[in-house]
Amino acid sequence: MKDKKILIAGIILIIVIAVGTALYFFIAKDEAMLNHDLSKKENTEEQNLMQANQEALAKAQESGSTLRPADETDHIWGDLNAPVKMVVYSDFECPFCYDFHSTTQEIKDEFGDRVAVIFRHYFLSSHSNALLAAQASECAGEQDKFWPMYDKLFEDGRAGNLNMEEFKQDAEDLGLNQAKFNKCLDEEKYRDKILAQKQEGKEAGVIGTPTIFVGNEIYPGAYPFTDFTDSRGREVEGMRSVIERQLGIVD
């Protein structure tokens, strides 16, 4: 009887292990397929954005539209007289922009004062909090804290925390004059400036974010810092190679 019970217990254990193993591989396969589908969707969206941007740029060039030169009205990270100027049209609620935010830091770490980063607003209408976030950055800029707020807003965006309460908390964390910041934000003081920058971007050929201009070249999409192979198997310059070429640096 004892041997029979041991045998039954052994059979049950084998069945449990078999079912568990099958379930594990089923879930793993399902998750892998889901991740593949999401990755494929993201690649397709970025390809569509890049193609649409290039088409918009071609139309803008045909009509004689050009990118407005950087000046003191822009937010500039670095020296306006730097040999390379990189104008970035971006949106604080754009996932691709979160990626390029990291690339921008790599660029500054590598090239320092040889590259000036110029940030311009291009909020997407599909992003419900992007315009408000842009206004928060400008209100912080009024107190010489644009770039620290810029970093915080991208952190907020990654965490899904783009909202009025969070912006005011960011202002407090940065040591801003809270009353002045709140008044600026509540009155939408910089709304017109942000709308004007978006219109300038459209006229220069921008239709999505991020869109990066380096010299007279346009790079639509979240280009990484290093060279990469695109979805069609083509070798593509990353931002480091683009900037090195602009600076005349050769291997």
Foldseek 3Di string as FASTA:
>chain_A
DVVVVVVVVVVVVVVVVVVVVVVVVVVVVVVVVVVVVVVVVVQVVQVVQQVQLVVLQVVLVVVVAAADQDDPVWDKDADSPALKEKEKEAWLQDPLVLLLVVQVVVCCVVPPRNYMYTYAYAHDPVDPLRLLLVQLLVLCVVVVCNVVSSVVSNVCNVVVNRDPVVSLVSCVVVVHPSVSSVVSSVVVVCSVVNVVRNVSCSSNRRDDPTWMDIPNDIDHTNFHQQWDQGPVRDIGGGVVVVVCVSVVHDD
